[in-house]
PDB file of N, CA and C in Angstrom:
ATOM      1  N   MET A   1      33.233   8.321-171.320  1.00  0.00           N
ATOM      2  CA  MET A   1      34.810   7.873-170.829  1.00  0.00           C
ATOM      3  C   MET A   1      35.500   8.657-170.330  1.00  0.00           C
ATOM      4  N   LEU A   2      35.936   8.489-169.428  1.00  0.00           N
ATOM      5  CA  LEU A   2      37.009   9.443-168.871  1.00  0.00           C
ATOM      6  C   LEU A   2      38.123   9.354-169.550  1.00  0.00           C
ATOM      7  N   GLN A   3      38.169  10.079-170.133  1.00  0.00           N
ATOM      8  CA  GLN A   3      40.234  10.012-170.514  1.00  0.00           C
ATOM      9  C   GLN A   3      41.355  10.055-169.603  1.00  0.00           C
ATOM     10  N   ILE A   4      42.124   9.327-170.089  1.00  0.00           N
ATOM     11  CA  ILE A   4      43.399   8.852-169.121  1.00  0.00           C
ATOM     12  C   ILE A   4      44.434  10.360-169.380  1.00  0.00           C
ATOM     13  N   PRO A   5      44.764  11.486-168.762  1.00  0.00           N
ATOM     14  CA  PRO A   5      45.805  11.647-169.342  1.00  0.00           C
ATOM     15  C   PRO A   5      46.927  10.657-169.346  1.00  0.00           C
ATOM     16  N   LEU A   6      47.704  11.052-170.695  1.00  0.00           N
ATOM     17  CA  LEU A   6      49.056  10.499-171.051  1.00  0.00           C
ATOM     18  C   LEU A   6      50.565  11.383-170.583  1.00  0.00           C
ATOM     19  N   PRO A   7      50.984  10.928-170.231  1.00  0.00           N
ATOM     20  CA  PRO A   7      52.248  11.424-169.811  1.00  0.00           C
ATOM     21  C   PRO A   7      53.039  12.374-170.530  1.00  0.00           C
ATOM     22  N   THR A   8      53.348  13.553-170.789  1.00  0.00           N
ATOM     23  CA  THR A   8      54.363  14.109-171.924  1.00  0.00           C
ATOM     24  C   THR A   8      55.722  14.098-171.698  1.00  0.00           C
ATOM     25  N   ASP A   9      56.296  13.248-170.511  1.00  0.00           N
ATOM     26  CA  ASP A   9      57.795  13.166-170.745  1.00  0.00           C
ATOM     27  C   ASP A   9      57.575  11.259-169.344  1.00  0.00           C
ATOM     28  N   ILE A  10      59.347  10.956-170.165  1.00  0.00           N
ATOM     29  CA  ILE A  10      59.329   9.358-169.216  1.00  0.00           C
ATOM     30  C   ILE A  10      60.695   9.690-169.320  1.00  0.00           C
ATOM     31  N   ARG A  11      60.974   9.652-168.157  1.00  0.00           N
ATOM     32  CA  ARG A  11      62.536   9.462-167.871  1.00  0.00           C
ATOM     33  C   ARG A  11      62.802   8.461-167.202  1.00  0.00           C
ATOM     34  N   LEU A  12      63.784   7.556-167.291  1.00  0.00           N
ATOM     35  CA  LEU A  12      64.072   6.382-166.267  1.00  0.00           C
ATOM     36  C   LEU A  12      65.993   6.930-165.458  1.00  0.00           C
ATOM     37  N   HIS A  13      65.889   6.915-163.956  1.00  0.00           N
ATOM     38  CA  HIS A  13      66.877   7.446-163.515  1.00  0.00           C
ATOM     39  C   HIS A  13      67.666   6.539-162.995  1.00  0.00           C
ATOM     40  N   LEU A  14      68.929   6.004-163.953  1.00  0.00           N
ATOM     41  CA  LEU A  14      69.548   4.745-163.577  1.00  0.00           C
ATOM     42  C   LEU A  14      69.723   4.600-161.950  1.00  0.00           C
ATOM     43  N   LYS A  15      70.498   5.982-161.942  1.00  0.00           N
ATOM     44  CA  LYS A  15      71.177   5.598-160.519  1.00  0.00           C
ATOM     45  C   LYS A  15      70.368   5.953-159.614  1.00  0.00           C
ATOM     46  N   SER A  16      69.200   6.130-158.977  1.00  0.00           N
ATOM     47  CA  SER A  16      67.820   6.226-158.118  1.00  0.00           C
ATOM     48  C   SER A  16      67.240   5.548-158.593  1.00  0.00           C
ATOM     49  N   ARG A  17      67.509   4.408-159.560  1.00  0.00           N
ATOM     50  CA  ARG A  17      66.759   3.191-159.728  1.00  0.00           C
ATOM     51  C   ARG A  17      64.840   3.494-160.038  1.00  0.00           C
ATOM     52  N   THR A  18      64.523   4.812-160.653  1.00  0.00           N
ATOM     53  CA  THR A  18      63.349   5.465-160.267  1.00  0.00           C
ATOM     54  C   THR A  18      62.859   5.676-162.136  1.00  0.00           C
ATOM     55  N   LEU A  19      61.493   5.448-162.274  1.00  0.00           N
ATOM     56  CA  LEU A  19      60.819   6.142-163.716  1.00  0.00           C
ATOM     57  C   LEU A  19      60.239   7.181-163.124  1.00  0.00           C
ATOM     58  N   GLU A  20      60.784   8.114-163.740  1.00  0.00           N
ATOM     59  CA  GLU A  20      59.714   9.274-163.735  1.00  0.00           C
ATOM     60  C   GLU A  20      58.767   9.392-164.437  1.00  0.00           C
ATOM     61  N   LEU A  21      57.551  10.040-164.433  1.00  0.00           N
ATOM     62  CA  LEU A  21      56.671   9.784-165.484  1.00  0.00           C
ATOM     63  C   LEU A  21      55.883  11.679-164.822  1.00  0.00           C
ATOM     64  N   ILE A  22      55.869  12.266-166.341  1.00  0.00           N
ATOM     65  CA  ILE A  22      55.353  13.593-165.992  1.00  0.00           C
ATOM     66  C   ILE A  22      53.372  13.787-167.329  1.00  0.00           C
ATOM     67  N   TYR A  23      52.873  14.375-166.095  1.00  0.00           N
ATOM     68  CA  TYR A  23      51.704  14.122-166.207  1.00  0.00           C
ATOM     69  C   TYR A  23      51.558  15.808-166.123  1.00  0.00           C
ATOM     70  N   PRO A  24      50.243  16.526-167.071  1.00  0.00           N
ATOM     71  CA  PRO A  24      50.269  17.806-166.765  1.00  0.00           C
ATOM     72  C   PRO A  24      50.107  18.372-165.777  1.00  0.00           C
ATOM     73  N   ASP A  25      49.179  17.334-164.699  1.00  0.00           N
ATOM     74  CA  ASP A  25      49.017  17.696-162.681  1.00  0.00           C
ATOM     75  C   ASP A  25      50.523  17.242-162.453  1.00  0.00           C
ATOM     76  N   GLY A  26      51.318  17.438-162.867  1.00  0.00           N
ATOM     77  CA  GLY A  26      52.745  16.969-161.734  1.00  0.00           C
ATOM     78  C   GLY A  26      53.825  16.222-162.398  1.00  0.00           C
ATOM     79  N   SER A  27      54.565  15.848-162.017  1.00  0.00           N
ATOM     80  CA  SER A  27      56.214  14.783-161.938  1.00  0.00           C
ATOM     81  C   SER A  27      55.891  13.772-160.898  1.00  0.00           C
ATOM     82  N   PHE A  28      56.075  12.307-161.555  1.00  0.00           N
ATOM     83  CA  PHE A  28      55.846  11.809-160.010  1.00  0.00           C
ATOM     84  C   PHE A  28      56.716  10.293-160.382  1.00  0.00           C
ATOM     85  N   GLU A  29      57.671  10.015-159.309  1.00  0.00           N
ATOM     86  CA  GLU A  29      58.763   9.151-159.321  1.00  0.00           C
ATOM     87  C   GLU A  29      58.572   7.910-159.273  1.00  0.00           C
ATOM     88  N   LEU A  30      58.251   6.645-159.595  1.00  0.00           N
ATOM     89  CA  LEU A  30      57.915   5.896-159.465  1.00  0.00           C
ATOM     90  C   LEU A  30      59.186   4.591-158.932  1.00  0.00           C
ATOM     91  N   THR A  31      59.544   4.040-157.756  1.00  0.00           N
ATOM     92  CA  THR A  31      60.559   3.281-157.982  1.00  0.00           C
ATOM     93  C   THR A  31      60.997   1.524-158.817  1.00  0.00           C
ATOM     94  N   ALA A  32      61.761   1.530-159.019  1.00  0.00           N
ATOM     95  CA  ALA A  32      62.102   0.325-159.495  1.00  0.00           C
ATOM     96  C   ALA A  32      60.931  -1.308-158.978  1.00  0.00           C
ATOM     97  N   GLU A  33      61.605  -0.801-157.105  1.00  0.00           N
ATOM     98  CA  GLU A  33      61.033  -1.806-156.845  1.00  0.00           C
ATOM     99  C   GLU A  33      59.501  -1.510-156.405  1.00  0.00           C
ATOM    100  N   PHE A  34      58.598  -0.999-156.650  1.00  0.00           N
ATOM    101  CA  PHE A  34      57.258  -0.088-156.340  1.00  0.00           C
ATOM    102  C   PHE A  34      57.092  -0.946-157.560  1.00  0.00           C
ATOM    103  N   LEU A  35      57.495  -0.457-159.001  1.00  0.00           N
ATOM    104  CA  LEU A  35      56.692  -1.000-160.199  1.00  0.00           C
ATOM    105  C   LEU A  35      56.639  -2.319-160.197  1.00  0.00           C
ATOM    106  N   ARG A  36      57.906  -2.849-159.855  1.00  0.00           N
ATOM    107  CA  ARG A  36      58.182  -4.628-159.699  1.00  0.00           C
ATOM    108  C   ARG A  36      57.198  -4.924-159.130  1.00  0.00           C
ATOM    109  N   VAL A  37      57.009  -5.043-158.293  1.00  0.00           N
ATOM    110  CA  VAL A  37      56.104  -5.631-156.720  1.00  0.00           C
ATOM    111  C   VAL A  37      54.417  -5.353-157.791  1.00  0.00           C
ATOM    112  N   HIS A  38      54.480  -4.434-158.203  1.00  0.00           N
ATOM    113  CA  HIS A  38      53.037  -3.921-158.517  1.00  0.00           C
ATOM    114  C   HIS A  38      52.445  -3.987-160.354  1.00  0.00           C
ATOM    115  N   SER A  39      53.439  -5.116-160.773  1.00  0.00           N
ATOM    116  CA  SER A  39      53.551  -5.986-162.362  1.00  0.00           C
ATOM    117  C   SER A  39      52.854  -5.765-162.499  1.00  0.00           C
ATOM    118  N   PRO A  40      51.840  -5.768-163.616  1.00  0.00           N
ATOM    119  CA  PRO A  40      50.515  -6.166-163.864  1.00  0.00           C
ATOM    120  C   PRO A  40      50.647  -7.461-164.579  1.00  0.00           C
ATOM    121  N   SER A  41      52.043  -8.597-164.347  1.00  0.00           N
ATOM    122  CA  SER A  41      51.382  -9.245-164.590  1.00  0.00           C
ATOM    123  C   SER A  41      50.895 -10.828-164.539  1.00  0.00           C
ATOM    124  N   ALA A  42      50.966 -12.050-165.215  1.00  0.00           N
ATOM    125  CA  ALA A  42      50.265 -12.967-164.643  1.00  0.00           C
ATOM    126  C   ALA A  42      50.902 -13.577-163.131  1.00  0.00           C
ATOM    127  N   GLU A  43      52.439 -13.428-163.285  1.00  0.00           N
ATOM    128  CA  GLU A  43      53.133 -14.302-162.085  1.00  0.00           C
ATOM    129  C   GLU A  43      52.889 -13.104-161.072  1.00  0.00           C
ATOM    130  N   VAL A  44      52.810 -11.799-160.841  1.00  0.00           N
ATOM    131  CA  VAL A  44      52.348 -10.977-159.558  1.00  0.00           C
ATOM    132  C   VAL A  44      50.751 -11.310-159.667  1.00  0.00           C
ATOM    133  N   ARG A  45      50.125 -10.947-160.041  1.00  0.00           N
ATOM    134  CA  ARG A  45      48.622 -10.872-160.116  1.00  0.00           C
ATOM    135  C   ARG A  45      48.039 -12.104-159.699  1.00  0.00           C
ATOM    136  N   GLY A  46      48.806 -12.984-160.801  1.00  0.00           N
ATOM    137  CA  GLY A  46      47.482 -14.125-160.791  1.00  0.00           C
ATOM    138  C   GLY A  46      46.651 -14.135-161.714  1.00  0.00           C
ATOM    139  N   HIS A  47      45.998 -15.446-162.117  1.00  0.00           N
ATOM    140  CA  HIS A  47      44.419 -15.414-163.410  1.00  0.00           C
ATOM    141  C   HIS A  47      43.037 -15.002-162.917  1.00  0.00           C
ATOM    142  N   GLY A  48      43.158 -14.629-161.288  1.00  0.00           N
ATOM    143  CA  GLY A  48      42.121 -14.012-161.055  1.00  0.00           C
ATOM    144  C   GLY A  48      41.534 -13.711-159.356  1.00  0.00           C
ATOM    145  N   ILE A  49      41.042 -12.974-159.435  1.00  0.00           N
ATOM    146  CA  ILE A  49      41.177 -12.606-157.696  1.00  0.00           C
ATOM    147  C   ILE A  49      41.393 -13.439-156.593  1.00  0.00           C
ATOM    148  N   GLY A  50      42.586 -12.909-156.113  1.00  0.00           N
ATOM    149  CA  GLY A  50      42.880 -13.342-154.796  1.00  0.00           C
ATOM    150  C   GLY A  50      44.175 -14.849-155.360  1.00  0.00           C
ATOM    151  N   GLN A  51      44.368 -14.838-156.360  1.00  0.00           N
ATOM    152  CA  GLN A  51      45.686 -15.521-156.942  1.00  0.00           C
ATOM    153  C   GLN A  51      46.863 -15.090-157.319  1.00  0.00           C
ATOM    154  N   GLY A  52      47.123 -13.271-156.547  1.00  0.00           N
ATOM    155  CA  GLY A  52      48.289 -12.932-156.660  1.00  0.00           C
ATOM    156  C   GLY A  52      49.178 -13.583-155.914  1.00  0.00           C
ATOM    157  N   THR A  53      50.543 -13.492-156.406  1.00  0.00           N
ATOM    158  CA  THR A  53      51.743 -13.404-155.464  1.00  0.00           C
ATOM    159  C   THR A  53      52.518 -12.569-154.652  1.00  0.00           C
ATOM    160  N   LEU A  54      52.371 -12.384-153.322  1.00  0.00           N
ATOM    161  CA  LEU A  54      53.562 -11.418-152.717  1.00  0.00           C
ATOM    162  C   LEU A  54      54.865 -11.511-153.424  1.00  0.00           C
ATOM    163  N   GLN A  55      55.279 -10.454-153.905  1.00  0.00           N
ATOM    164  CA  GLN A  55      56.722 -10.178-153.876  1.00  0.00           C
ATOM    165  C   GLN A  55      57.582  -9.752-153.247  1.00  0.00           C
ATOM    166  N   THR A  56      58.903 -10.484-152.751  1.00  0.00           N
ATOM    167  CA  THR A  56      59.227 -10.718-152.027  1.00  0.00           C
ATOM    168  C   THR A  56      61.335 -10.327-152.693  1.00  0.00           C
ATOM    169  N   GLY A  57      61.744  -9.801-151.674  1.00  0.00           N
ATOM    170  CA  GLY A  57      63.226  -9.088-151.687  1.00  0.00           C
ATOM    171  C   GLY A  57      63.463  -8.675-152.847  1.00  0.00           C
ATOM    172  N   LYS A  58      62.391  -8.055-152.935  1.00  0.00           N
ATOM    173  CA  LYS A  58      62.283  -6.366-154.620  1.00  0.00           C
ATOM    174  C   LYS A  58      63.253  -5.400-154.240  1.00  0.00           C
ATOM    175  N   LYS A  59      63.796  -5.261-152.803  1.00  0.00           N
ATOM    176  CA  LYS A  59      64.152  -3.994-152.433  1.00  0.00           C
ATOM    177  C   LYS A  59      65.005  -3.256-153.663  1.00  0.00           C
ATOM    178  N   TRP A  60      66.544  -4.248-153.859  1.00  0.00           N
ATOM    179  CA  TRP A  60      67.249  -3.658-154.468  1.00  0.00           C
ATOM    180  C   TRP A  60      67.046  -3.705-156.322  1.00  0.00           C
ATOM    181  N   VAL A  61      65.613  -3.998-156.746  1.00  0.00           N
ATOM    182  CA  VAL A  61      65.704  -4.817-158.143  1.00  0.00           C
ATOM    183  C   VAL A  61      65.850  -3.109-159.438  1.00  0.00           C
ATOM    184  N   ALA A  62      66.290  -3.515-160.163  1.00  0.00           N
ATOM    185  CA  ALA A  62      66.361  -2.090-161.219  1.00  0.00           C
ATOM    186  C   ALA A  62      65.674  -2.416-162.944  1.00  0.00           C
ATOM    187  N   ILE A  63      66.123  -1.365-163.072  1.00  0.00           N
ATOM    188  CA  ILE A  63      64.838  -1.552-164.782  1.00  0.00           C
ATOM    189  C   ILE A  63      66.159  -1.215-165.897  1.00  0.00           C
ATOM    190  N   LYS A  64      66.135  -2.323-166.384  1.00  0.00           N
ATOM    191  CA  LYS A  64      67.155  -2.475-167.256  1.00  0.00           C
ATOM    192  C   LYS A  64      66.996  -1.814-168.382  1.00  0.00           C
ATOM    193  N   GLU A  65      65.147  -2.083-168.632  1.00  0.00           N
ATOM    194  CA  GLU A  65      64.641  -1.760-170.027  1.00  0.00           C
ATOM    195  C   GLU A  65      63.178  -1.198-170.289  1.00  0.00           C
ATOM    196  N   ILE A  66      63.127   0.077-170.985  1.00  0.00           N
ATOM    197  CA  ILE A  66      61.511   0.408-170.926  1.00  0.00           C
ATOM    198  C   ILE A  66      61.241   0.008-172.552  1.00  0.00           C
ATOM    199  N   ILE A  67      59.980  -0.626-172.658  1.00  0.00           N
ATOM    200  CA  ILE A  67      59.984  -0.571-174.051  1.00  0.00           C
ATOM    201  C   ILE A  67      58.584  -0.439-174.466  1.00  0.00           C
ATOM    202  N   PRO A  68      58.199   1.014-175.706  1.00  0.00           N
ATOM    203  CA  PRO A  68      57.221   1.144-176.087  1.00  0.00           C
ATOM    204  C   PRO A  68      55.854  -0.149-176.609  1.00  0.00           C
ATOM    205  N   SER A  69      54.713  -0.124-176.073  1.00  0.00           N
ATOM    206  CA  SER A  69      54.409  -1.692-176.383  1.00  0.00           C
ATOM    207  C   SER A  69      52.608  -0.374-177.811  1.00  0.00           C
ATOM    208  N   GLY A  70      53.552  -0.545-178.826  1.00  0.00           N
ATOM    209  CA  GLY A  70      52.396  -0.011-179.351  1.00  0.00           C
ATOM    210  C   GLY A  70      52.315   1.309-178.978  1.00  0.00           C
ATOM    211  N   ASN A  71      51.245   2.295-179.199  1.00  0.00           N
ATOM    212  CA  ASN A  71      50.525   3.405-177.976  1.00  0.00           C
ATOM    213  C   ASN A  71      49.588   4.048-176.998  1.00  0.00           C
ATOM    214  N   TYR A  72      49.578   2.489-176.252  1.00  0.00           N
ATOM    215  CA  TYR A  72      48.447   2.088-175.756  1.00  0.00           C
ATOM    216  C   TYR A  72      49.588   1.249-173.904  1.00  0.00           C
ATOM    217  N   ALA A  73      50.762   1.522-173.947  1.00  0.00           N
ATOM    218  CA  ALA A  73      51.459   0.972-172.971  1.00  0.00           C
ATOM    219  C   ALA A  73      53.186   0.727-172.756  1.00  0.00           C
ATOM    220  N   LEU A  74      53.967   0.278-171.771  1.00  0.00           N
ATOM    221  CA  LEU A  74      55.148   0.402-171.417  1.00  0.00           C
ATOM    222  C   LEU A  74      55.260  -1.087-170.826  1.00  0.00           C
ATOM    223  N   LYS A  75      56.314  -2.152-171.444  1.00  0.00           N
ATOM    224  CA  LYS A  75      56.925  -3.177-171.165  1.00  0.00           C
ATOM    225  C   LYS A  75      58.136  -2.663-170.563  1.00  0.00           C
ATOM    226  N   ILE A  76      58.365  -2.974-169.396  1.00  0.00           N
ATOM    227  CA  ILE A  76      59.340  -2.413-167.943  1.00  0.00           C
ATOM    228  C   ILE A  76      60.104  -4.183-168.486  1.00  0.00           C
ATOM    229  N   VAL A  77      61.491  -4.211-168.470  1.00  0.00           N
ATOM    230  CA  VAL A  77      62.651  -5.396-167.980  1.00  0.00           C
ATOM    231  C   VAL A  77      63.255  -5.157-167.304  1.00  0.00           C
ATOM    232  N   PHE A  78      63.174  -5.782-165.738  1.00  0.00           N
ATOM    233  CA  PHE A  78      63.718  -5.440-164.087  1.00  0.00           C
ATOM    234  C   PHE A  78      65.306  -6.522-164.362  1.00  0.00           C
ATOM    235  N   ASP A  79      66.393  -5.830-164.052  1.00  0.00           N
ATOM    236  CA  ASP A  79      67.327  -6.344-163.825  1.00  0.00           C
ATOM    237  C   ASP A  79      67.117  -8.089-163.018  1.00  0.00           C
ATOM    238  N   ASP A  80      66.309  -8.147-163.015  1.00  0.00           N
ATOM    239  CA  ASP A  80      65.784  -9.912-161.744  1.00  0.00           C
ATOM    240  C   ASP A  80      64.990 -10.391-163.057  1.00  0.00           C
ATOM    241  N   GLY A  81      65.386 -10.110-164.032  1.00  0.00           N
ATOM    242  CA  GLY A  81      64.804 -11.047-165.499  1.00  0.00           C
ATOM    243  C   GLY A  81      63.028 -10.538-165.832  1.00  0.00           C
ATOM    244  N   HIS A  82      62.779 -10.059-164.886  1.00  0.00           N
ATOM    245  CA  HIS A  82      61.211 -10.566-164.865  1.00  0.00           C
ATOM    246  C   HIS A  82      60.873  -9.590-165.930  1.00  0.00           C
ATOM    247  N   ASP A  83      60.310  -9.881-166.969  1.00  0.00           N
ATOM    248  CA  ASP A  83      59.695  -8.837-168.330  1.00  0.00           C
ATOM    249  C   ASP A  83      58.358  -8.733-168.451  1.00  0.00           C
ATOM    250  N   SER A  84      57.565  -9.247-168.144  1.00  0.00           N
ATOM    251  CA  SER A  84      56.539  -9.643-168.519  1.00  0.00           C
ATOM    252  C   SER A  84      55.195  -8.800-167.833  1.00  0.00           C
ATOM    253  N   GLY A  85      54.367  -8.519-168.418  1.00  0.00           N
ATOM    254  CA  GLY A  85      53.044  -8.015-168.108  1.00  0.00           C
ATOM    255  C   GLY A  85      53.253  -6.507-168.716  1.00  0.00           C
ATOM    256  N   LEU A  86      52.233  -5.890-169.491  1.00  0.00           N
ATOM    257  CA  LEU A  86      52.300  -4.544-169.600  1.00  0.00           C
ATOM    258  C   LEU A  86      51.404  -3.182-169.179  1.00  0.00           C
ATOM    259  N   TYR A  87      52.426  -2.277-168.647  1.00  0.00           N
ATOM    260  CA  TYR A  87      52.152  -1.430-167.816  1.00  0.00           C
ATOM    261  C   TYR A  87      51.896  -0.427-168.744  1.00  0.00           C
ATOM    262  N   THR A  88      50.175  -0.479-169.026  1.00  0.00           N
ATOM    263  CA  THR A  88      48.874   0.552-170.090  1.00  0.00           C
ATOM    264  C   THR A  88      49.098   2.059-169.241  1.00  0.00           C
ATOM    265  N   TRP A  89      49.012   2.491-170.309  1.00  0.00           N
ATOM    266  CA  TRP A  89      49.124   3.869-169.477  1.00  0.00           C
ATOM    267  C   TRP A  89      47.684   4.391-168.011  1.00  0.00           C
ATOM    268  N   GLU A  90      47.001   3.529-168.058  1.00  0.00           N
ATOM    269  CA  GLU A  90      45.615   3.816-166.933  1.00  0.00           C
ATOM    270  C   GLU A  90      46.349   3.453-166.238  1.00  0.00           C
ATOM    271  N   TYR A  91      47.119   1.751-166.433  1.00  0.00           N
ATOM    272  CA  TYR A  91      47.399   1.556-164.726  1.00  0.00           C
ATOM    273  C   TYR A  91      48.765   2.421-164.147  1.00  0.00           C
ATOM    274  N   LEU A  92      49.688   3.074-165.681  1.00  0.00           N
ATOM    275  CA  LEU A  92      50.762   3.878-164.755  1.00  0.00           C
ATOM    276  C   LEU A  92      49.853   5.328-164.214  1.00  0.00           C
ATOM    277  N   HIS A  93      48.887   5.429-164.608  1.00  0.00           N
ATOM    278  CA  HIS A  93      47.997   6.843-163.835  1.00  0.00           C
ATOM    279  C   HIS A  93      47.982   6.475-162.269  1.00  0.00           C
ATOM    280  N   ASP A  94      47.477   5.538-162.738  1.00  0.00           N
ATOM    281  CA  ASP A  94      46.791   5.072-161.515  1.00  0.00           C
ATOM    282  C   ASP A  94      47.625   4.928-160.533  1.00  0.00           C
ATOM    283  N   LEU A  95      48.807   3.865-161.200  1.00  0.00           N
ATOM    284  CA  LEU A  95      49.579   3.455-160.083  1.00  0.00           C
ATOM    285  C   LEU A  95      50.451   5.308-159.739  1.00  0.00           C
ATOM    286  N   THR A  96      50.506   6.087-160.035  1.00  0.00           N
ATOM    287  CA  THR A  96      51.437   7.527-159.842  1.00  0.00           C
ATOM    288  C   THR A  96      50.507   8.311-158.851  1.00  0.00           C
ATOM    289  N   HIS A  97      49.137   8.276-158.874  1.00  0.00           N
ATOM    290  CA  HIS A  97      48.948   8.635-158.452  1.00  0.00           C
ATOM    291  C   HIS A  97      48.032   8.051-157.268  1.00  0.00           C
ATOM    292  N   ASN A  98      48.207   7.235-157.194  1.00  0.00           N
ATOM    293  CA  ASN A  98      48.242   6.151-155.669  1.00  0.00           C
ATOM    294  C   ASN A  98      49.097   5.794-155.243  1.00  0.00           C
ATOM    295  N   ALA A  99      50.226   5.573-155.543  1.00  0.00           N
ATOM    296  CA  ALA A  99      51.181   5.069-154.969  1.00  0.00           C
ATOM    297  C   ALA A  99      51.535   5.104-154.168  1.00  0.00           C
ATOM    298  N   GLU A 100      50.977   5.673-153.106  1.00  0.00           N
ATOM    299  CA  GLU A 100      50.688   5.834-150.953  1.00  0.00           C
ATOM    300  C   GLU A 100      50.716   5.350-151.021  1.00  0.00           C
ATOM    301  N   ASN A 101      49.113   4.821-151.311  1.00  0.00           N
ATOM    302  CA  ASN A 101      47.858   4.192-150.434  1.00  0.00           C
ATOM    303  C   ASN A 101      48.556   2.318-150.888  1.00  0.00           C
ATOM    304  N   TYR A 102      48.737   2.446-152.074  1.00  0.00           N
ATOM    305  CA  TYR A 102      49.761   1.255-152.963  1.00  0.00           C
ATOM    306  C   TYR A 102      50.872   0.249-151.960  1.00  0.00           C
ATOM    307  N   TRP A 103      51.509   1.143-152.119  1.00  0.00           N
ATOM    308  CA  TRP A 103      52.650   1.338-151.116  1.00  0.00           C
ATOM    309  C   TRP A 103      52.405   1.077-149.507  1.00  0.00           C
ATOM    310  N   THR A 104      51.738   1.412-148.985  1.00  0.00           N
ATOM    311  CA  THR A 104      51.470   0.944-147.709  1.00  0.00           C
ATOM    312  C   THR A 104      50.453  -0.155-147.460  1.00  0.00           C
ATOM    313  N   GLU A 105      49.856  -0.538-148.384  1.00  0.00           N
ATOM    314  CA  GLU A 105      49.212  -1.884-148.456  1.00  0.00           C
ATOM    315  C   GLU A 105      50.270  -2.666-148.801  1.00  0.00           C
ATOM    316  N   TYR A 106      51.204  -3.010-149.752  1.00  0.00           N
ATOM    317  CA  TYR A 106      52.443  -3.575-149.649  1.00  0.00           C
ATOM    318  C   TYR A 106      53.096  -3.776-148.906  1.00  0.00           C
ATOM    319  N   LEU A 107      53.648  -2.677-147.895  1.00  0.00           N
ATOM    320  CA  LEU A 107      53.854  -3.193-146.347  1.00  0.00           C
ATOM    321  C   LEU A 107      53.149  -4.173-146.046  1.00  0.00           C
ATOM    322  N   ALA A 108      51.969  -3.502-145.897  1.00  0.00           N
ATOM    323  CA  ALA A 108      51.137  -4.326-144.736  1.00  0.00           C
ATOM    324  C   ALA A 108      50.805  -5.797-144.203  1.00  0.00           C
ATOM    325  N   ALA A 109      51.140  -5.977-146.186  1.00  0.00           N
ATOM    326  CA  ALA A 109      51.155  -7.939-146.665  1.00  0.00           C
ATOM    327  C   ALA A 109      51.766  -8.114-146.749  1.00  0.00           C
ATOM    328  N   LEU A 110      53.356  -7.606-146.806  1.00  0.00           N
ATOM    329  CA  LEU A 110      54.846  -8.354-146.366  1.00  0.00           C
ATOM    330  C   LEU A 110      55.007  -9.249-144.985  1.00  0.00           C
ATOM    331  N   GLN A 111      54.370  -7.932-143.863  1.00  0.00           N
ATOM    332  CA  GLN A 111      54.203  -7.461-142.702  1.00  0.00           C
ATOM    333  C   GLN A 111      53.790  -9.203-142.181  1.00  0.00           C
ATOM    334  N   ALA A 112      52.508  -9.088-143.070  1.00  0.00           N
ATOM    335  CA  ALA A 112      51.218 -10.193-142.363  1.00  0.00           C
ATOM    336  C   ALA A 112      51.860 -11.353-142.533  1.00  0.00           C
ATOM    337  N   ALA A 113      52.693 -11.537-143.955  1.00  0.00           N
ATOM    338  CA  ALA A 113      53.540 -12.846-144.321  1.00  0.00           C
ATOM    339  C   ALA A 113      54.605 -13.084-143.877  1.00  0.00           C
ATOM    340  N   GLY A 114      54.802 -12.154-142.514  1.00  0.00           N
ATOM    341  CA  GLY A 114      56.015 -12.514-142.418  1.00  0.00           C
ATOM    342  C   GLY A 114      57.370 -12.098-143.316  1.00  0.00           C
ATOM    343  N   ALA A 115      57.419 -11.838-144.208  1.00  0.00           N
ATOM    344  CA  ALA A 115      57.773 -11.393-145.402  1.00  0.00           C
ATOM    345  C   ALA A 115      58.942 -10.349-145.282  1.00  0.00           C
ATOM    346  N   SER A 116      59.934  -9.859-146.270  1.00  0.00           N
ATOM    347  CA  SER A 116      61.320  -8.845-146.701  1.00  0.00           C
ATOM    348  C   SER A 116      60.447  -8.275-147.970  1.00  0.00           C
ATOM    349  N   ARG A 117      61.470  -7.754-147.522  1.00  0.00           N
ATOM    350  CA  ARG A 117      61.898  -6.649-148.940  1.00  0.00           C
ATOM    351  C   ARG A 117      63.058  -6.903-149.073  1.00  0.00           C
ATOM    352  N   ASP A 118      63.717  -7.409-148.401  1.00  0.00           N
ATOM    353  CA  ASP A 118      65.243  -7.770-148.411  1.00  0.00           C
ATOM    354  C   ASP A 118      65.073  -9.691-148.245  1.00  0.00           C
ATOM    355  N   GLU A 119      64.256  -9.988-148.187  1.00  0.00           N
ATOM    356  CA  GLU A 119      65.018 -11.573-148.768  1.00  0.00           C
ATOM    357  C   GLU A 119      65.642 -11.750-149.618  1.00  0.00           C
ATOM    358  N   GLY A 120      66.540 -12.708-148.776  1.00  0.00           N
ATOM    359  CA  GLY A 120      67.328 -13.202-150.319  1.00  0.00           C
ATOM    360  C   GLY A 120      68.678 -12.333-150.306  1.00  0.00           C
ATOM    361  N   LEU A 121      68.786 -11.527-150.113  1.00  0.00           N
ATOM    362  CA  LEU A 121      70.043 -10.305-149.812  1.00  0.00           C
ATOM    363  C   LEU A 121      70.915 -11.041-149.192  1.00  0.00           C
ATOM    364  N   ILE A 122      72.235 -11.167-149.716  1.00  0.00           N
ATOM    365  CA  ILE A 122      73.065 -12.043-149.048  1.00  0.00           C
ATOM    366  C   ILE A 122      74.516 -10.556-148.295  1.00  0.00           C
ATOM    367  N   VAL A 123      73.768 -10.544-147.139  1.00  0.00           N
ATOM    368  CA  VAL A 123      75.469  -9.075-146.918  1.00  0.00           C
ATOM    369  C   VAL A 123      76.265 -10.105-146.190  1.00  0.00           C
ATOM    370  N   LYS A 124      77.836  -9.743-146.114  1.00  0.00           N
ATOM    371  CA  LYS A 124      78.642  -9.630-146.295  1.00  0.00           C
ATOM    372  C   LYS A 124      79.506  -8.773-145.242  1.00  0.00           C
ATOM    373  N   THR A 125      80.121  -9.205-144.369  1.00  0.00           N
ATOM    374  CA  THR A 125      80.305  -8.618-142.979  1.00  0.00           C
ATOM    375  C   THR A 125      81.449  -9.088-142.394  1.00  0.00           C
ATOM    376  N   SER A 126      82.716  -8.141-142.527  1.00  0.00           N
ATOM    377  CA  SER A 126      84.299  -8.140-142.073  1.00  0.00           C
ATOM    378  C   SER A 126      84.224  -8.521-140.602  1.00  0.00           C
ATOM    379  N   HIS A 127      84.885  -9.298-140.038  1.00  0.00           N
ATOM    380  CA  HIS A 127      84.883  -9.656-138.791  1.00  0.00           C
ATOM    381  C   HIS A 127      86.500  -8.836-138.449  1.00  0.00           C
TER     382      HIS A 127
END
């Protein structure tokens, strides 16, 4: 069985809303939005193949807290109240090393659904 490397360091960058994971083969930053829309929770993924829910309007979401879950995962608490789903070391490694492909697929799914990353955002303009 292939051993998934564990991050040697994990850094939460509040200002840039990113989570940095440092592995022996490099440093990888994942945005809070990326992590939120790729949450391993049943709310996002569903309970079976094809039952996932496309996450929209998460462009400005931030990470409030990261909680270790045993020696195998992280629980990420987002400022939109989402806090279910455990990000296992294996899943985080996959996300960091395949982020570009997953992001491209996500943007294509948004476009196909006629949805937006900004959905629900209220923009005030002065006249």
